[in-house]
Amino acid sequence: MTVQSEEVLSITGLHFAYNGGDPVLDNVNLTARRGDYIAILGPNGGGKTTLIKCLLGMLTPQRGSVRVFGKPPKEALGRIGYVPQYATAREAFPITVLDVVLMGAMNGSSTIFTSGWKRGKGNAEKALHALQLVGMEGREKLTLRQLSGGQRQRVIVARALMGDPDLLLLDEPTANIDPQGKFCFYEFLASLPGHITTIVVSHDLSITASAFTGIAIVNRTLLYNRGNTLTEGQLAMLYGTHEPSCPMGTFISTVSSMFPTMTNLQPYKPHAGQQPQQPAPGPEDNA
């Protein structure tokens, strides 16, 4: 297996429910390889954060498997960088950019898994290099309150890079960032070193960018297309497998408006008296 084709993440038949209730995730399948840049989109309550927790080993699925670099997630944490939702510190807290990044070198951080770096000689140089990678060189002495929302998120990513991750997971990383800042942030993620596999989880449908190598929709199940567009089969299959109470009509309408070739897409509805059936996936559809 070449480095470029190395399988970084493998999810097979994942099923998870809280306390024996209805499944939050059901028969989720996904494969990511080295260097992939994947967006996982879905409505609030669709299971995105639960999926992230399964990838980190914080939750154990009742069925199916999750493998990260061929191992259970907890055994691969040293190769994972994690940027959680609302990761940034309070703007008014008197801490410098460099101090925030150096926190990524500490074991036991509550917001980032690292490969064991501790404070000590050489870490400052490593932190400055991480800031250079995220385009924040020369700002290490600034405080967080002096930065824009997008710049603060770049600092949080730099902190994650202190662990030399091969897999970077980001959960809703652009909350409270303006539209232009969001676009710049996601384009920046695409510029990270090519050996890093990056997975972004978001309900924000505006994040799609040409740089993504794959886009998935998750709403109890997951439907994936390797490429930077969504297929009619993906959307129709997703809508057809969920109860009418699920807010997928609005979700599909919003997604469809993002792609000129799909502006006439309608939610899948069975004929009266018939049971819902899923359309057969096309060659580009991967469940």
C-alpha atoms as a PDB file:
ATOM      1  CA  MET A   1       0.000   0.000   0.000  1.00  0.00           C
ATOM      2  CA  THR A   2       1.417   3.390  -0.985  1.00  0.00           C
ATOM      3  CA  VAL A   3       1.476   6.325   1.418  1.00  0.00           C
ATOM      4  CA  GLN A   4      -1.117   8.152  -0.690  1.00  0.00           C
ATOM      5  CA  SER A   5      -3.560   5.226  -0.540  1.00  0.00           C
ATOM      6  CA  GLU A   6      -3.087   4.470   3.156  1.00  0.00           C
ATOM      7  CA  GLU A   7      -6.423   3.880   4.844  1.00  0.00           C
ATOM      8  CA  VAL A   8      -6.663   6.333   7.724  1.00  0.00           C
ATOM      9  CA  LEU A   9     -10.254   5.796   8.836  1.00  0.00           C
ATOM     10  CA  SER A  10     -12.640   2.898   8.347  1.00  0.00           C
ATOM     11  CA  ILE A  11     -16.215   2.923   9.671  1.00  0.00           C
ATOM     12  CA  THR A  12     -18.243  -0.204   8.964  1.00  0.00           C
ATOM     13  CA  GLY A  13     -21.903  -0.742   9.850  1.00  0.00           C
ATOM     14  CA  LEU A  14     -21.765   1.643  12.813  1.00  0.00           C
ATOM     15  CA  HIS A  15     -24.906   1.669  14.957  1.00  0.00           C
ATOM     16  CA  PHE A  16     -25.287   3.807  18.065  1.00  0.00           C
ATOM     17  CA  ALA A  17     -28.217   4.606  20.345  1.00  0.00           C
ATOM     18  CA  TYR A  18     -28.282   6.358  23.712  1.00  0.00           C
ATOM     19  CA  ASN A  19     -29.659   4.290  26.611  1.00  0.00           C
ATOM     20  CA  GLY A  20     -31.415   1.800  24.372  1.00  0.00           C
ATOM     21  CA  GLY A  21     -33.453   4.473  22.597  1.00  0.00           C
ATOM     22  CA  ASP A  22     -33.948   5.099  18.904  1.00  0.00           C
ATOM     23  CA  PRO A  23     -30.724   4.920  16.890  1.00  0.00           C
ATOM     24  CA  VAL A  24     -28.835   8.163  16.495  1.00  0.00           C
ATOM     25  CA  LEU A  25     -26.567   6.521  13.924  1.00  0.00           C
ATOM     26  CA  ASP A  26     -27.520   3.446  11.929  1.00  0.00           C
ATOM     27  CA  ASN A  27     -25.431   1.485   9.415  1.00  0.00           C
ATOM     28  CA  VAL A  28     -22.884   4.266   8.922  1.00  0.00           C
ATOM     29  CA  ASN A  29     -20.027   3.443   6.557  1.00  0.00           C
ATOM     30  CA  LEU A  30     -17.119   5.665   5.579  1.00  0.00           C
ATOM     31  CA  THR A  31     -13.525   5.275   4.444  1.00  0.00           C
ATOM     32  CA  ALA A  32     -10.940   8.055   4.454  1.00  0.00           C
ATOM     33  CA  ARG A  33      -7.438   7.835   3.065  1.00  0.00           C
ATOM     34  CA  ARG A  34      -4.281   9.810   3.664  1.00  0.00           C
ATOM     35  CA  GLY A  35      -4.599  13.390   2.436  1.00  0.00           C
ATOM     36  CA  ASP A  36      -8.398  13.343   2.078  1.00  0.00           C
ATOM     37  CA  TYR A  37     -10.276  16.543   2.924  1.00  0.00           C
ATOM     38  CA  ILE A  38     -13.842  15.542   3.777  1.00  0.00           C
ATOM     39  CA  ALA A  39     -16.884  17.591   4.788  1.00  0.00           C
ATOM     40  CA  ILE A  40     -19.584  15.827   6.800  1.00  0.00           C
ATOM     41  CA  LEU A  41     -22.770  17.890   6.648  1.00  0.00           C
ATOM     42  CA  GLY A  42     -26.147  17.440   8.260  1.00  0.00           C
ATOM     43  CA  PRO A  43     -28.936  19.108  10.214  1.00  0.00           C
ATOM     44  CA  ASN A  44     -28.742  19.754  13.929  1.00  0.00           C
ATOM     45  CA  GLY A  45     -29.577  16.554  15.785  1.00  0.00           C
ATOM     46  CA  GLY A  46     -28.564  14.385  12.841  1.00  0.00           C
ATOM     47  CA  GLY A  47     -25.813  12.573  14.735  1.00  0.00           C
ATOM     48  CA  LYS A  48     -22.722  14.495  13.622  1.00  0.00           C
ATOM     49  CA  THR A  49     -21.259  15.113  17.071  1.00  0.00           C
ATOM     50  CA  THR A  50     -22.101  11.555  18.125  1.00  0.00           C
ATOM     51  CA  LEU A  51     -20.145  10.345  15.110  1.00  0.00           C
ATOM     52  CA  ILE A  52     -17.135  12.464  16.106  1.00  0.00           C
ATOM     53  CA  LYS A  53     -17.265  10.987  19.624  1.00  0.00           C
ATOM     54  CA  CYS A  54     -17.269   7.481  18.154  1.00  0.00           C
ATOM     55  CA  LEU A  55     -14.229   8.366  16.043  1.00  0.00           C
ATOM     56  CA  LEU A  56     -12.405   9.531  19.173  1.00  0.00           C
ATOM     57  CA  GLY A  57     -13.356   6.479  21.213  1.00  0.00           C
ATOM     58  CA  MET A  58     -15.457   8.574  23.591  1.00  0.00           C
ATOM     59  CA  LEU A  59     -18.499   6.473  22.684  1.00  0.00           C
ATOM     60  CA  THR A  60     -18.621   2.783  21.792  1.00  0.00           C
ATOM     61  CA  PRO A  61     -21.085   1.729  19.071  1.00  0.00           C
ATOM     62  CA  GLN A  62     -23.473  -1.116  19.849  1.00  0.00           C
ATOM     63  CA  ARG A  63     -22.772  -2.633  16.431  1.00  0.00           C
ATOM     64  CA  GLY A  64     -20.224  -2.147  13.721  1.00  0.00           C
ATOM     65  CA  SER A  65     -16.626  -1.057  13.962  1.00  0.00           C
ATOM     66  CA  VAL A  66     -14.450   2.047  13.853  1.00  0.00           C
ATOM     67  CA  ARG A  67     -10.774   1.730  12.989  1.00  0.00           C
ATOM     68  CA  VAL A  68      -8.269   4.574  12.880  1.00  0.00           C
ATOM     69  CA  PHE A  69      -4.988   3.571  11.260  1.00  0.00           C
ATOM     70  CA  GLY A  70      -6.184  -0.009  11.658  1.00  0.00           C
ATOM     71  CA  LYS A  71      -6.651   0.287  15.424  1.00  0.00           C
ATOM     72  CA  PRO A  72      -9.493   1.036  17.843  1.00  0.00           C
ATOM     73  CA  PRO A  73      -9.760   4.839  18.202  1.00  0.00           C
ATOM     74  CA  LYS A  74      -8.380   4.975  21.754  1.00  0.00           C
ATOM     75  CA  GLU A  75      -5.197   3.262  20.581  1.00  0.00           C
ATOM     76  CA  ALA A  76      -4.678   5.850  17.833  1.00  0.00           C
ATOM     77  CA  LEU A  77      -5.225   9.076  19.796  1.00  0.00           C
ATOM     78  CA  GLY A  78      -1.558   9.966  19.471  1.00  0.00           C
ATOM     79  CA  ARG A  79      -2.108  10.483  15.734  1.00  0.00           C
ATOM     80  CA  ILE A  80      -5.362  12.450  16.026  1.00  0.00           C
ATOM     81  CA  GLY A  81      -5.767  16.207  16.353  1.00  0.00           C
ATOM     82  CA  TYR A  82      -9.180  17.336  17.571  1.00  0.00           C
ATOM     83  CA  VAL A  83     -10.694  20.811  17.395  1.00  0.00           C
ATOM     84  CA  PRO A  84     -13.997  20.683  19.299  1.00  0.00           C
ATOM     85  CA  GLN A  85     -16.963  22.965  18.947  1.00  0.00           C
ATOM     86  CA  TYR A  86     -16.468  26.246  20.847  1.00  0.00           C
ATOM     87  CA  ALA A  87     -12.800  25.439  21.450  1.00  0.00           C
ATOM     88  CA  THR A  88     -11.502  28.983  21.663  1.00  0.00           C
ATOM     89  CA  ALA A  89     -10.812  30.758  24.949  1.00  0.00           C
ATOM     90  CA  ARG A  90     -12.674  33.864  26.058  1.00  0.00           C
ATOM     91  CA  GLU A  91     -11.509  36.884  24.100  1.00  0.00           C
ATOM     92  CA  ALA A  92     -10.855  38.928  27.238  1.00  0.00           C
ATOM     93  CA  PHE A  93      -8.636  36.277  28.841  1.00  0.00           C
ATOM     94  CA  PRO A  94      -5.083  37.736  28.933  1.00  0.00           C
ATOM     95  CA  ILE A  95      -3.297  34.939  27.099  1.00  0.00           C
ATOM     96  CA  THR A  96      -1.042  35.234  24.085  1.00  0.00           C
ATOM     97  CA  VAL A  97      -1.310  33.360  20.826  1.00  0.00           C
ATOM     98  CA  LEU A  98       1.932  31.530  21.589  1.00  0.00           C
ATOM     99  CA  ASP A  99       0.661  30.400  24.998  1.00  0.00           C
ATOM    100  CA  VAL A 100      -2.496  28.965  23.441  1.00  0.00           C
ATOM    101  CA  VAL A 101      -0.508  26.979  20.887  1.00  0.00           C
ATOM    102  CA  LEU A 102       1.887  25.699  23.549  1.00  0.00           C
ATOM    103  CA  MET A 103      -1.088  24.193  25.385  1.00  0.00           C
ATOM    104  CA  GLY A 104      -1.184  21.628  22.592  1.00  0.00           C
ATOM    105  CA  ALA A 105       2.130  20.279  23.892  1.00  0.00           C
ATOM    106  CA  MET A 106       0.618  19.296  27.233  1.00  0.00           C
ATOM    107  CA  ASN A 107      -0.704  15.834  28.014  1.00  0.00           C
ATOM    108  CA  GLY A 108      -4.239  15.612  29.338  1.00  0.00           C
ATOM    109  CA  SER A 109      -5.558  18.685  27.545  1.00  0.00           C
ATOM    110  CA  SER A 110      -9.345  18.836  27.681  1.00  0.00           C
ATOM    111  CA  THR A 111      -9.644  20.126  24.138  1.00  0.00           C
ATOM    112  CA  ILE A 112      -6.918  18.417  22.150  1.00  0.00           C
ATOM    113  CA  PHE A 113      -5.386  14.986  21.988  1.00  0.00           C
ATOM    114  CA  THR A 114      -1.621  15.057  21.436  1.00  0.00           C
ATOM    115  CA  SER A 115       1.134  12.543  20.872  1.00  0.00           C
ATOM    116  CA  GLY A 116       2.847  13.253  24.174  1.00  0.00           C
ATOM    117  CA  TRP A 117       4.603  16.602  23.742  1.00  0.00           C
ATOM    118  CA  LYS A 118       5.295  18.427  27.003  1.00  0.00           C
ATOM    119  CA  ARG A 119       6.456  21.945  27.759  1.00  0.00           C
ATOM    120  CA  GLY A 120      10.200  22.228  27.462  1.00  0.00           C
ATOM    121  CA  LYS A 121      13.094  23.282  25.304  1.00  0.00           C
ATOM    122  CA  GLY A 122      12.213  23.320  21.639  1.00  0.00           C
ATOM    123  CA  ASN A 123       8.459  23.589  22.076  1.00  0.00           C
ATOM    124  CA  ALA A 124       8.478  27.325  21.399  1.00  0.00           C
ATOM    125  CA  GLU A 125      10.136  26.682  18.037  1.00  0.00           C
ATOM    126  CA  LYS A 126       7.611  23.971  17.293  1.00  0.00           C
ATOM    127  CA  ALA A 127       4.757  26.330  18.201  1.00  0.00           C
ATOM    128  CA  LEU A 128       6.148  29.056  15.942  1.00  0.00           C
ATOM    129  CA  HIS A 129       6.337  26.534  13.109  1.00  0.00           C
ATOM    130  CA  ALA A 130       2.709  25.530  13.730  1.00  0.00           C
ATOM    131  CA  LEU A 131       1.696  29.195  13.553  1.00  0.00           C
ATOM    132  CA  GLN A 132       3.545  29.487  10.264  1.00  0.00           C
ATOM    133  CA  LEU A 133       1.622  26.505   8.887  1.00  0.00           C
ATOM    134  CA  VAL A 134      -1.700  28.201   9.683  1.00  0.00           C
ATOM    135  CA  GLY A 135      -0.650  31.590   8.316  1.00  0.00           C
ATOM    136  CA  MET A 136      -0.339  33.274  11.719  1.00  0.00           C
ATOM    137  CA  GLU A 137       3.403  33.873  11.839  1.00  0.00           C
ATOM    138  CA  GLY A 138       4.395  37.171  13.453  1.00  0.00           C
ATOM    139  CA  ARG A 139       1.305  37.235  15.674  1.00  0.00           C
ATOM    140  CA  GLU A 140       2.562  35.042  18.500  1.00  0.00           C
ATOM    141  CA  LYS A 141       2.744  37.930  20.993  1.00  0.00           C
ATOM    142  CA  LEU A 142      -0.802  39.154  20.340  1.00  0.00           C
ATOM    143  CA  THR A 143      -3.642  38.301  22.701  1.00  0.00           C
ATOM    144  CA  LEU A 144      -6.741  36.472  21.514  1.00  0.00           C
ATOM    145  CA  ARG A 145      -8.886  39.576  21.841  1.00  0.00           C
ATOM    146  CA  GLN A 146      -6.728  41.236  19.176  1.00  0.00           C
ATOM    147  CA  LEU A 147      -7.660  38.586  16.602  1.00  0.00           C
ATOM    148  CA  SER A 148     -10.681  38.068  14.379  1.00  0.00           C
ATOM    149  CA  GLY A 149     -12.863  34.988  14.807  1.00  0.00           C
ATOM    150  CA  GLY A 150     -11.213  33.254  11.869  1.00  0.00           C
ATOM    151  CA  GLN A 151      -7.740  34.046  13.174  1.00  0.00           C
ATOM    152  CA  ARG A 152      -8.601  32.638  16.599  1.00  0.00           C
ATOM    153  CA  GLN A 153      -9.742  29.400  14.999  1.00  0.00           C
ATOM    154  CA  ARG A 154      -6.460  29.176  13.092  1.00  0.00           C
ATOM    155  CA  VAL A 155      -4.652  29.456  16.414  1.00  0.00           C
ATOM    156  CA  ILE A 156      -6.742  26.562  17.772  1.00  0.00           C
ATOM    157  CA  VAL A 157      -5.781  24.493  14.719  1.00  0.00           C
ATOM    158  CA  ALA A 158      -2.119  25.374  15.325  1.00  0.00           C
ATOM    159  CA  ARG A 159      -2.541  24.049  18.858  1.00  0.00           C
ATOM    160  CA  ALA A 160      -3.874  20.791  17.413  1.00  0.00           C
ATOM    161  CA  LEU A 161      -0.867  20.573  15.082  1.00  0.00           C
ATOM    162  CA  MET A 162       1.498  20.514  18.071  1.00  0.00           C
ATOM    163  CA  GLY A 163       0.745  16.804  18.359  1.00  0.00           C
ATOM    164  CA  ASP A 164       1.909  16.106  14.779  1.00  0.00           C
ATOM    165  CA  PRO A 165      -1.477  14.595  13.860  1.00  0.00           C
ATOM    166  CA  ASP A 166      -2.056  12.486  10.784  1.00  0.00           C
ATOM    167  CA  LEU A 167      -5.831  12.865  11.210  1.00  0.00           C
ATOM    168  CA  LEU A 168      -7.425  16.220  12.051  1.00  0.00           C
ATOM    169  CA  LEU A 169     -11.071  16.278  13.209  1.00  0.00           C
ATOM    170  CA  LEU A 170     -12.951  19.574  13.478  1.00  0.00           C
ATOM    171  CA  ASP A 171     -16.447  19.856  14.971  1.00  0.00           C
ATOM    172  CA  GLU A 172     -18.360  22.991  13.853  1.00  0.00           C
ATOM    173  CA  PRO A 173     -15.140  25.029  13.627  1.00  0.00           C
ATOM    174  CA  THR A 174     -16.606  28.209  12.121  1.00  0.00           C
ATOM    175  CA  ALA A 175     -19.306  29.148  14.619  1.00  0.00           C
ATOM    176  CA  ASN A 176     -19.566  32.942  14.904  1.00  0.00           C
ATOM    177  CA  ILE A 177     -17.295  33.572  11.922  1.00  0.00           C
ATOM    178  CA  ASP A 178     -18.519  35.802   9.086  1.00  0.00           C
ATOM    179  CA  PRO A 179     -19.165  34.230   5.642  1.00  0.00           C
ATOM    180  CA  GLN A 180     -15.948  35.512   4.064  1.00  0.00           C
ATOM    181  CA  GLY A 181     -13.981  34.345   7.076  1.00  0.00           C
ATOM    182  CA  LYS A 182     -15.553  30.892   6.790  1.00  0.00           C
ATOM    183  CA  PHE A 183     -14.546  30.571   3.160  1.00  0.00           C
ATOM    184  CA  CYS A 184     -10.969  31.633   3.920  1.00  0.00           C
ATOM    185  CA  PHE A 185     -10.799  29.239   6.874  1.00  0.00           C
ATOM    186  CA  TYR A 186     -11.858  26.204   4.848  1.00  0.00           C
ATOM    187  CA  GLU A 187      -9.518  27.124   2.011  1.00  0.00           C
ATOM    188  CA  PHE A 188      -6.744  27.392   4.592  1.00  0.00           C
ATOM    189  CA  LEU A 189      -7.503  23.866   5.844  1.00  0.00           C
ATOM    190  CA  ALA A 190      -7.006  22.631   2.296  1.00  0.00           C
ATOM    191  CA  SER A 191      -3.477  24.072   2.357  1.00  0.00           C
ATOM    192  CA  LEU A 192      -2.325  22.015   5.352  1.00  0.00           C
ATOM    193  CA  PRO A 193       0.485  19.511   4.723  1.00  0.00           C
ATOM    194  CA  GLY A 194      -0.654  16.803   2.337  1.00  0.00           C
ATOM    195  CA  HIS A 195      -0.071  13.890   4.711  1.00  0.00           C
ATOM    196  CA  ILE A 196      -2.832  15.151   7.029  1.00  0.00           C
ATOM    197  CA  THR A 197      -6.339  13.768   6.541  1.00  0.00           C
ATOM    198  CA  THR A 198      -8.836  16.462   7.517  1.00  0.00           C
ATOM    199  CA  ILE A 199     -12.493  15.833   8.391  1.00  0.00           C
ATOM    200  CA  VAL A 200     -14.802  18.780   9.063  1.00  0.00           C
ATOM    201  CA  VAL A 201     -18.213  18.213  10.653  1.00  0.00           C
ATOM    202  CA  SER A 202     -20.748  21.025  10.284  1.00  0.00           C
ATOM    203  CA  HIS A 203     -24.418  21.915   9.883  1.00  0.00           C
ATOM    204  CA  ASP A 204     -23.347  24.984   7.879  1.00  0.00           C
ATOM    205  CA  LEU A 205     -24.163  24.201   4.254  1.00  0.00           C
ATOM    206  CA  SER A 206     -22.126  27.137   2.970  1.00  0.00           C
ATOM    207  CA  ILE A 207     -18.833  25.410   3.750  1.00  0.00           C
ATOM    208  CA  THR A 208     -18.576  23.425   0.524  1.00  0.00           C
ATOM    209  CA  ALA A 209     -15.456  24.416  -1.352  1.00  0.00           C
ATOM    210  CA  SER A 210     -13.750  23.088  -4.449  1.00  0.00           C
ATOM    211  CA  ALA A 211     -10.894  21.813  -2.299  1.00  0.00           C
ATOM    212  CA  PHE A 212     -12.949  19.067  -0.623  1.00  0.00           C
ATOM    213  CA  THR A 213     -12.155  15.591  -1.904  1.00  0.00           C
ATOM    214  CA  GLY A 214     -15.427  14.194  -0.572  1.00  0.00           C
ATOM    215  CA  ILE A 215     -18.746  15.316   0.891  1.00  0.00           C
ATOM    216  CA  ALA A 216     -21.050  13.265   3.099  1.00  0.00           C
ATOM    217  CA  ILE A 217     -24.476  13.926   4.553  1.00  0.00           C
ATOM    218  CA  VAL A 218     -25.263  12.405   7.926  1.00  0.00           C
ATOM    219  CA  ASN A 219     -28.741  12.219   9.389  1.00  0.00           C
ATOM    220  CA  ARG A 220     -28.892   8.915  11.233  1.00  0.00           C
ATOM    221  CA  THR A 221     -27.270   7.212   8.270  1.00  0.00           C
ATOM    222  CA  LEU A 222     -24.393   8.548   6.192  1.00  0.00           C
ATOM    223  CA  LEU A 223     -24.214   8.929   2.436  1.00  0.00           C
ATOM    224  CA  TYR A 224     -20.870   9.793   0.881  1.00  0.00           C
ATOM    225  CA  ASN A 225     -19.753  11.015  -2.513  1.00  0.00           C
ATOM    226  CA  ARG A 226     -16.068  11.190  -3.364  1.00  0.00           C
ATOM    227  CA  GLY A 227     -15.936  14.570  -5.053  1.00  0.00           C
ATOM    228  CA  ASN A 228     -17.085  18.095  -4.256  1.00  0.00           C
ATOM    229  CA  THR A 229     -20.718  17.791  -5.318  1.00  0.00           C
ATOM    230  CA  LEU A 230     -23.791  16.040  -3.980  1.00  0.00           C
ATOM    231  CA  THR A 231     -25.841  13.655  -6.085  1.00  0.00           C
ATOM    232  CA  GLU A 232     -29.600  13.470  -6.453  1.00  0.00           C
ATOM    233  CA  GLY A 233     -29.344   9.857  -5.334  1.00  0.00           C
ATOM    234  CA  GLN A 234     -27.706  10.897  -2.076  1.00  0.00           C
ATOM    235  CA  LEU A 235     -30.374  13.429  -1.227  1.00  0.00           C
ATOM    236  CA  ALA A 236     -33.343  11.332  -2.314  1.00  0.00           C
ATOM    237  CA  MET A 237     -32.109   8.265  -0.459  1.00  0.00           C
ATOM    238  CA  LEU A 238     -31.470  10.285   2.670  1.00  0.00           C
ATOM    239  CA  TYR A 239     -34.888  11.921   2.675  1.00  0.00           C
ATOM    240  CA  GLY A 240     -36.660   8.659   1.904  1.00  0.00           C
ATOM    241  CA  THR A 241     -35.232   6.879   4.942  1.00  0.00           C
ATOM    242  CA  HIS A 242     -36.444   9.346   7.584  1.00  0.00           C
ATOM    243  CA  GLU A 243     -39.703  10.214   9.245  1.00  0.00           C
ATOM    244  CA  PRO A 244     -41.672  13.248   7.992  1.00  0.00           C
ATOM    245  CA  SER A 245     -40.949  15.039  11.273  1.00  0.00           C
ATOM    246  CA  CYS A 246     -37.293  15.273  10.290  1.00  0.00           C
ATOM    247  CA  PRO A 247     -36.544  18.777   8.889  1.00  0.00           C
ATOM    248  CA  MET A 248     -35.022  17.373   5.727  1.00  0.00           C
ATOM    249  CA  GLY A 249     -37.214  19.303   3.286  1.00  0.00           C
ATOM    250  CA  THR A 250     -35.611  22.598   4.233  1.00  0.00           C
ATOM    251  CA  PHE A 251     -32.212  20.953   4.446  1.00  0.00           C
ATOM    252  CA  ILE A 252     -32.456  19.499   0.943  1.00  0.00           C
ATOM    253  CA  SER A 253     -33.776  22.763  -0.466  1.00  0.00           C
ATOM    254  CA  THR A 254     -30.810  24.621   0.964  1.00  0.00           C
ATOM    255  CA  VAL A 255     -28.284  22.074  -0.263  1.00  0.00           C
ATOM    256  CA  SER A 256     -29.854  21.962  -3.717  1.00  0.00           C
ATOM    257  CA  SER A 257     -29.610  25.729  -4.113  1.00  0.00           C
ATOM    258  CA  MET A 258     -25.847  25.421  -3.765  1.00  0.00           C
ATOM    259  CA  PHE A 259     -25.532  23.362  -6.923  1.00  0.00           C
ATOM    260  CA  PRO A 260     -26.920  24.796 -10.203  1.00  0.00           C
ATOM    261  CA  THR A 261     -27.477  21.328 -11.673  1.00  0.00           C
ATOM    262  CA  MET A 262     -29.725  20.359  -8.772  1.00  0.00           C
ATOM    263  CA  THR A 263     -32.031  23.360  -8.407  1.00  0.00           C
ATOM    264  CA  ASN A 264     -35.069  21.304  -9.454  1.00  0.00           C
ATOM    265  CA  LEU A 265     -34.431  18.489  -7.008  1.00  0.00           C
ATOM    266  CA  GLN A 266     -37.491  17.570  -4.957  1.00  0.00           C
ATOM    267  CA  PRO A 267     -37.626  15.523  -1.750  1.00  0.00           C
ATOM    268  CA  TYR A 268     -38.331  11.855  -2.429  1.00  0.00           C
ATOM    269  CA  LYS A 269     -41.957  10.924  -1.722  1.00  0.00           C
ATOM    270  CA  PRO A 270     -43.551   7.495  -2.333  1.00  0.00           C
ATOM    271  CA  HIS A 271     -46.821   7.241  -4.228  1.00  0.00           C
ATOM    272  CA  ALA A 272     -49.968   7.028  -2.131  1.00  0.00           C
ATOM    273  CA  GLY A 273     -50.383   3.578  -0.626  1.00  0.00           C
ATOM    274  CA  GLN A 274     -46.819   2.519  -1.384  1.00  0.00           C
ATOM    275  CA  GLN A 275     -44.025   1.904   1.067  1.00  0.00           C
ATOM    276  CA  PRO A 276     -41.040   4.230   0.746  1.00  0.00           C
ATOM    277  CA  GLN A 277     -38.326   2.780  -1.442  1.00  0.00           C
ATOM    278  CA  GLN A 278     -34.798   3.994  -1.828  1.00  0.00           C
ATOM    279  CA  PRO A 279     -33.621   4.749  -5.358  1.00  0.00           C
ATOM    280  CA  ALA A 280     -30.750   2.588  -6.495  1.00  0.00           C
ATOM    281  CA  PRO A 281     -27.470   4.426  -5.955  1.00  0.00           C
ATOM    282  CA  GLY A 282     -25.520   5.534  -8.955  1.00  0.00           C
ATOM    283  CA  PRO A 283     -21.879   4.569  -9.475  1.00  0.00           C
ATOM    284  CA  GLU A 284     -20.809   7.726  -7.660  1.00  0.00           C
ATOM    285  CA  ASP A 285     -22.881   6.977  -4.560  1.00  0.00           C
ATOM    286  CA  ASN A 286     -21.223   5.192  -1.663  1.00  0.00           C
ATOM    287  CA  ALA A 287     -23.367   4.391   1.364  1.00  0.00           C
END
